[in-house]
Amino acid sequence: MANNKNIEKLTTLIRDVLSIKDFTTLEDWQNSILRLGGELRVDPNFPDDAYITKMSDDQNPYFSITISPYHTFERINFSLAHELGHLFLHMSYLVNDEAWREIEVGKSYTRLGSDLLEFQANEFAANLLMPKEEFLKLAMENRNENNFYNIEPLLERFRVSRQAIINRGRWLGIFPW
């Protein structure tokens, strides 16, 4: 079972292995997904955020992530990171070959719902896009003498929604619930 510490370690490893500094453009995502053996598809007929599908056991692309073009980049950014959470945490891609092979080709995960798997994928996305130490450092640099935070620099730096920043700050214990 994935816990917060394991998710944090996994996202750090992924950032290091892929030499990822930022996800600030769709091209950054395209390149990272290609390096992982997947493909990114943009489907104007897909009304939701995103979904990930296992494509193959033994040839590229091993998986595809499909997104709708009708959302802000900040929303797409978090959705793509969320789908990678499903890929690594729940499909065991590059984590456990035997478990990956047991997943049926065509199996999909989507960002809809609120169960444990979705919570874990959200935790993965938050850690991947807003690494803990960097988030805390930037937040503290933008805190005033009354302990109020200016989150605009966080929004600019991490390219996620206001709600994603607030949630990350809450889970890290620096923003009030």
C-alpha atoms as a PDB file:
ATOM      1  CA  MET A   1       0.000   0.000   0.000  1.00  0.00           C
ATOM      2  CA  ALA A   2       1.353   3.396  -0.951  1.00  0.00           C
ATOM      3  CA  ASN A   3       1.754   5.857   1.897  1.00  0.00           C
ATOM      4  CA  ASN A   4       2.774   9.508   1.859  1.00  0.00           C
ATOM      5  CA  LYS A   5       6.475   8.843   2.496  1.00  0.00           C
ATOM      6  CA  ASN A   6       6.664   6.166  -0.210  1.00  0.00           C
ATOM      7  CA  ILE A   7       4.850   8.420  -2.664  1.00  0.00           C
ATOM      8  CA  GLU A   8       7.234  11.274  -1.871  1.00  0.00           C
ATOM      9  CA  LYS A   9      10.266   8.998  -2.392  1.00  0.00           C
ATOM     10  CA  LEU A  10       8.870   7.643  -5.669  1.00  0.00           C
ATOM     11  CA  THR A  11       8.194  11.105  -7.097  1.00  0.00           C
ATOM     12  CA  THR A  12      11.689  12.250  -6.116  1.00  0.00           C
ATOM     13  CA  LEU A  13      13.166   9.200  -7.855  1.00  0.00           C
ATOM     14  CA  ILE A  14      11.097   9.816 -10.987  1.00  0.00           C
ATOM     15  CA  ARG A  15      12.141  13.484 -11.120  1.00  0.00           C
ATOM     16  CA  ASP A  16      15.790  12.438 -10.738  1.00  0.00           C
ATOM     17  CA  VAL A  17      15.714   9.587 -13.269  1.00  0.00           C
ATOM     18  CA  LEU A  18      13.942  11.696 -15.878  1.00  0.00           C
ATOM     19  CA  SER A  19      16.026  14.779 -15.027  1.00  0.00           C
ATOM     20  CA  ILE A  20      12.820  16.733 -14.536  1.00  0.00           C
ATOM     21  CA  LYS A  21      13.053  20.228 -13.139  1.00  0.00           C
ATOM     22  CA  ASP A  22       9.644  21.515 -14.162  1.00  0.00           C
ATOM     23  CA  PHE A  23       6.454  20.721 -15.992  1.00  0.00           C
ATOM     24  CA  THR A  24       5.723  24.172 -17.370  1.00  0.00           C
ATOM     25  CA  THR A  25       4.615  23.346 -20.907  1.00  0.00           C
ATOM     26  CA  LEU A  26       2.762  20.591 -22.708  1.00  0.00           C
ATOM     27  CA  GLU A  27       6.038  19.905 -24.534  1.00  0.00           C
ATOM     28  CA  ASP A  28       7.717  19.130 -21.173  1.00  0.00           C
ATOM     29  CA  TRP A  29       5.008  16.556 -20.577  1.00  0.00           C
ATOM     30  CA  GLN A  30       5.235  15.139 -24.090  1.00  0.00           C
ATOM     31  CA  ASN A  31       8.988  14.613 -23.720  1.00  0.00           C
ATOM     32  CA  SER A  32       8.736  13.032 -20.271  1.00  0.00           C
ATOM     33  CA  ILE A  33       5.925  10.686 -21.289  1.00  0.00           C
ATOM     34  CA  LEU A  34       7.882   9.624 -24.392  1.00  0.00           C
ATOM     35  CA  ARG A  35      10.978   8.918 -22.271  1.00  0.00           C
ATOM     36  CA  LEU A  36       8.818   6.721 -20.063  1.00  0.00           C
ATOM     37  CA  GLY A  37       7.638   4.709 -23.081  1.00  0.00           C
ATOM     38  CA  GLY A  38       4.206   6.254 -23.412  1.00  0.00           C
ATOM     39  CA  GLU A  39       2.362   8.683 -25.587  1.00  0.00           C
ATOM     40  CA  LEU A  40       0.281  11.774 -24.935  1.00  0.00           C
ATOM     41  CA  ARG A  41      -2.951  12.139 -26.882  1.00  0.00           C
ATOM     42  CA  VAL A  42      -5.124  15.230 -27.107  1.00  0.00           C
ATOM     43  CA  ASP A  43      -8.753  14.327 -27.816  1.00  0.00           C
ATOM     44  CA  PRO A  44     -11.195  17.182 -28.504  1.00  0.00           C
ATOM     45  CA  ASN A  45     -14.067  14.696 -28.111  1.00  0.00           C
ATOM     46  CA  PHE A  46     -13.101  13.783 -24.532  1.00  0.00           C
ATOM     47  CA  PRO A  47     -15.109  15.961 -22.120  1.00  0.00           C
ATOM     48  CA  ASP A  48     -13.312  15.118 -18.850  1.00  0.00           C
ATOM     49  CA  ASP A  49      -9.785  15.893 -17.630  1.00  0.00           C
ATOM     50  CA  ALA A  50      -7.636  12.904 -18.519  1.00  0.00           C
ATOM     51  CA  TYR A  51      -7.296   9.145 -18.440  1.00  0.00           C
ATOM     52  CA  ILE A  52      -4.470   6.635 -18.738  1.00  0.00           C
ATOM     53  CA  THR A  53      -4.636   3.326 -20.609  1.00  0.00           C
ATOM     54  CA  LYS A  54      -2.291   0.361 -20.729  1.00  0.00           C
ATOM     55  CA  MET A  55      -1.453  -0.169 -24.415  1.00  0.00           C
ATOM     56  CA  SER A  56       1.027  -3.071 -24.419  1.00  0.00           C
ATOM     57  CA  ASP A  57       3.130  -5.403 -22.275  1.00  0.00           C
ATOM     58  CA  ASP A  58       6.182  -5.433 -24.496  1.00  0.00           C
ATOM     59  CA  GLN A  59       6.346  -2.603 -27.048  1.00  0.00           C
ATOM     60  CA  ASN A  60       6.114   1.170 -27.288  1.00  0.00           C
ATOM     61  CA  PRO A  61       3.845   2.768 -26.447  1.00  0.00           C
ATOM     62  CA  TYR A  62       3.317   0.837 -23.241  1.00  0.00           C
ATOM     63  CA  PHE A  63       0.669   3.328 -22.134  1.00  0.00           C
ATOM     64  CA  SER A  64      -1.158   6.393 -23.362  1.00  0.00           C
ATOM     65  CA  ILE A  65      -2.517   9.383 -21.520  1.00  0.00           C
ATOM     66  CA  THR A  66      -5.435  11.147 -23.153  1.00  0.00           C
ATOM     67  CA  ILE A  67      -6.345  14.706 -22.245  1.00  0.00           C
ATOM     68  CA  SER A  68      -9.018  17.173 -23.223  1.00  0.00           C
ATOM     69  CA  PRO A  69      -7.733  20.411 -24.750  1.00  0.00           C
ATOM     70  CA  TYR A  70     -10.543  22.402 -23.131  1.00  0.00           C
ATOM     71  CA  HIS A  71      -8.979  22.984 -19.719  1.00  0.00           C
ATOM     72  CA  THR A  72      -6.398  25.452 -18.473  1.00  0.00           C
ATOM     73  CA  PHE A  73      -2.774  24.368 -18.537  1.00  0.00           C
ATOM     74  CA  GLU A  74      -2.799  24.376 -14.729  1.00  0.00           C
ATOM     75  CA  ARG A  75      -5.636  21.855 -14.702  1.00  0.00           C
ATOM     76  CA  ILE A  76      -4.028  19.740 -17.436  1.00  0.00           C
ATOM     77  CA  ASN A  77      -0.701  19.864 -15.580  1.00  0.00           C
ATOM     78  CA  PHE A  78      -2.205  18.387 -12.406  1.00  0.00           C
ATOM     79  CA  SER A  79      -4.293  15.875 -14.364  1.00  0.00           C
ATOM     80  CA  LEU A  80      -1.231  14.536 -16.211  1.00  0.00           C
ATOM     81  CA  ALA A  81       0.705  14.168 -12.959  1.00  0.00           C
ATOM     82  CA  HIS A  82      -2.340  12.459 -11.437  1.00  0.00           C
ATOM     83  CA  GLU A  83      -2.445   9.942 -14.297  1.00  0.00           C
ATOM     84  CA  LEU A  84       1.255   9.187 -13.800  1.00  0.00           C
ATOM     85  CA  GLY A  85       0.305   8.468 -10.199  1.00  0.00           C
ATOM     86  CA  HIS A  86      -2.058   5.760 -11.428  1.00  0.00           C
ATOM     87  CA  LEU A  87       0.642   4.463 -13.787  1.00  0.00           C
ATOM     88  CA  PHE A  88       3.256   3.954 -11.074  1.00  0.00           C
ATOM     89  CA  LEU A  89       1.157   3.363  -7.953  1.00  0.00           C
ATOM     90  CA  HIS A  90      -1.754   1.322  -9.278  1.00  0.00           C
ATOM     91  CA  MET A  91      -0.510  -0.169 -12.538  1.00  0.00           C
ATOM     92  CA  SER A  92       3.022  -0.816 -11.156  1.00  0.00           C
ATOM     93  CA  TYR A  93       4.685   0.394 -14.353  1.00  0.00           C
ATOM     94  CA  LEU A  94       8.496   0.154 -13.982  1.00  0.00           C
ATOM     95  CA  VAL A  95       7.909  -0.678 -10.313  1.00  0.00           C
ATOM     96  CA  ASN A  96       6.851  -4.341 -10.459  1.00  0.00           C
ATOM     97  CA  ASP A  97       7.068  -6.085 -13.852  1.00  0.00           C
ATOM     98  CA  GLU A  98       4.926  -9.026 -12.754  1.00  0.00           C
ATOM     99  CA  ALA A  99       2.125  -6.785 -11.477  1.00  0.00           C
ATOM    100  CA  TRP A 100       2.329  -4.656 -14.656  1.00  0.00           C
ATOM    101  CA  ARG A 101       1.942  -7.756 -16.852  1.00  0.00           C
ATOM    102  CA  GLU A 102      -1.114  -8.848 -14.844  1.00  0.00           C
ATOM    103  CA  ILE A 103      -2.913  -5.651 -15.799  1.00  0.00           C
ATOM    104  CA  GLU A 104      -5.026  -6.238 -18.861  1.00  0.00           C
ATOM    105  CA  VAL A 105      -4.106  -4.338 -22.027  1.00  0.00           C
ATOM    106  CA  GLY A 106      -6.806  -1.702 -22.442  1.00  0.00           C
ATOM    107  CA  LYS A 107      -7.249  -1.149 -18.688  1.00  0.00           C
ATOM    108  CA  SER A 108      -7.837   2.543 -17.981  1.00  0.00           C
ATOM    109  CA  TYR A 109      -7.832   4.842 -14.989  1.00  0.00           C
ATOM    110  CA  THR A 110      -9.464   8.240 -14.947  1.00  0.00           C
ATOM    111  CA  ARG A 111      -9.339  11.217 -12.612  1.00  0.00           C
ATOM    112  CA  LEU A 112     -12.979  10.832 -11.584  1.00  0.00           C
ATOM    113  CA  GLY A 113     -14.035   9.662  -8.148  1.00  0.00           C
ATOM    114  CA  SER A 114     -12.885  10.103  -4.581  1.00  0.00           C
ATOM    115  CA  ASP A 115     -11.693   6.709  -3.366  1.00  0.00           C
ATOM    116  CA  LEU A 116      -8.279   5.752  -1.966  1.00  0.00           C
ATOM    117  CA  LEU A 117      -6.760   5.262  -5.433  1.00  0.00           C
ATOM    118  CA  GLU A 118      -7.781   8.783  -6.438  1.00  0.00           C
ATOM    119  CA  PHE A 119      -6.466  10.216  -3.180  1.00  0.00           C
ATOM    120  CA  GLN A 120      -3.116   8.468  -3.739  1.00  0.00           C
ATOM    121  CA  ALA A 121      -2.919   9.686  -7.347  1.00  0.00           C
ATOM    122  CA  ASN A 122      -3.621  13.236  -6.125  1.00  0.00           C
ATOM    123  CA  GLU A 123      -0.894  12.882  -3.488  1.00  0.00           C
ATOM    124  CA  PHE A 124       1.491  11.660  -6.184  1.00  0.00           C
ATOM    125  CA  ALA A 125       0.620  14.622  -8.437  1.00  0.00           C
ATOM    126  CA  ALA A 126       1.124  17.127  -5.625  1.00  0.00           C
ATOM    127  CA  ASN A 127       4.527  15.638  -4.763  1.00  0.00           C
ATOM    128  CA  LEU A 128       5.636  15.457  -8.388  1.00  0.00           C
ATOM    129  CA  LEU A 129       4.630  19.005  -9.287  1.00  0.00           C
ATOM    130  CA  MET A 130       5.256  20.725  -5.950  1.00  0.00           C
ATOM    131  CA  PRO A 131       8.185  19.005  -4.201  1.00  0.00           C
ATOM    132  CA  LYS A 132       7.883  19.416  -0.438  1.00  0.00           C
ATOM    133  CA  GLU A 133      11.151  21.215   0.332  1.00  0.00           C
ATOM    134  CA  GLU A 134      10.863  23.597  -2.601  1.00  0.00           C
ATOM    135  CA  PHE A 135       7.218  24.330  -1.814  1.00  0.00           C
ATOM    136  CA  LEU A 136       7.947  25.047   1.860  1.00  0.00           C
ATOM    137  CA  LYS A 137      10.938  27.249   1.048  1.00  0.00           C
ATOM    138  CA  LEU A 138       9.033  29.339  -1.483  1.00  0.00           C
ATOM    139  CA  ALA A 139       5.985  29.599   0.787  1.00  0.00           C
ATOM    140  CA  MET A 140       8.129  30.803   3.710  1.00  0.00           C
ATOM    141  CA  GLU A 141       9.830  33.372   1.480  1.00  0.00           C
ATOM    142  CA  ASN A 142       6.367  34.763   0.719  1.00  0.00           C
ATOM    143  CA  ARG A 143       4.959  34.865   4.254  1.00  0.00           C
ATOM    144  CA  ASN A 144       4.455  38.228   5.924  1.00  0.00           C
ATOM    145  CA  GLU A 145       4.865  39.247   9.566  1.00  0.00           C
ATOM    146  CA  ASN A 146       1.207  38.341  10.263  1.00  0.00           C
ATOM    147  CA  ASN A 147       1.774  34.785   8.960  1.00  0.00           C
ATOM    148  CA  PHE A 148      -0.245  35.396   5.803  1.00  0.00           C
ATOM    149  CA  TYR A 149       1.060  33.834   2.614  1.00  0.00           C
ATOM    150  CA  ASN A 150       1.194  35.423  -0.815  1.00  0.00           C
ATOM    151  CA  ILE A 151       0.531  32.403  -3.017  1.00  0.00           C
ATOM    152  CA  GLU A 152       1.017  34.195  -6.344  1.00  0.00           C
ATOM    153  CA  PRO A 153       4.726  33.210  -6.539  1.00  0.00           C
ATOM    154  CA  LEU A 154       3.710  29.598  -5.821  1.00  0.00           C
ATOM    155  CA  LEU A 155       1.143  29.714  -8.621  1.00  0.00           C
ATOM    156  CA  GLU A 156       3.726  31.105 -11.037  1.00  0.00           C
ATOM    157  CA  ARG A 157       6.410  28.620 -10.038  1.00  0.00           C
ATOM    158  CA  PHE A 158       4.416  25.381  -9.957  1.00  0.00           C
ATOM    159  CA  ARG A 159       1.823  26.102 -12.690  1.00  0.00           C
ATOM    160  CA  VAL A 160      -1.084  24.456 -10.860  1.00  0.00           C
ATOM    161  CA  SER A 161      -4.460  25.787  -9.752  1.00  0.00           C
ATOM    162  CA  ARG A 162      -4.998  27.987  -6.710  1.00  0.00           C
ATOM    163  CA  GLN A 163      -6.865  25.109  -5.037  1.00  0.00           C
ATOM    164  CA  ALA A 164      -3.943  22.721  -5.644  1.00  0.00           C
ATOM    165  CA  ILE A 165      -1.577  25.214  -3.948  1.00  0.00           C
ATOM    166  CA  ILE A 166      -3.941  25.652  -1.008  1.00  0.00           C
ATOM    167  CA  ASN A 167      -4.399  21.891  -0.617  1.00  0.00           C
ATOM    168  CA  ARG A 168      -0.644  21.282  -0.742  1.00  0.00           C
ATOM    169  CA  GLY A 169      -0.050  23.941   1.904  1.00  0.00           C
ATOM    170  CA  ARG A 170      -2.766  22.433   4.097  1.00  0.00           C
ATOM    171  CA  TRP A 171      -1.411  18.892   3.829  1.00  0.00           C
ATOM    172  CA  LEU A 172       2.078  20.179   4.629  1.00  0.00           C
ATOM    173  CA  GLY A 173       0.680  21.916   7.712  1.00  0.00           C
ATOM    174  CA  ILE A 174       1.428  25.531   6.840  1.00  0.00           C
ATOM    175  CA  PHE A 175      -1.990  26.712   5.603  1.00  0.00           C
ATOM    176  CA  PRO A 176      -5.085  26.516   7.833  1.00  0.00           C
ATOM    177  CA  TRP A 177      -7.896  24.113   7.106  1.00  0.00           C
END
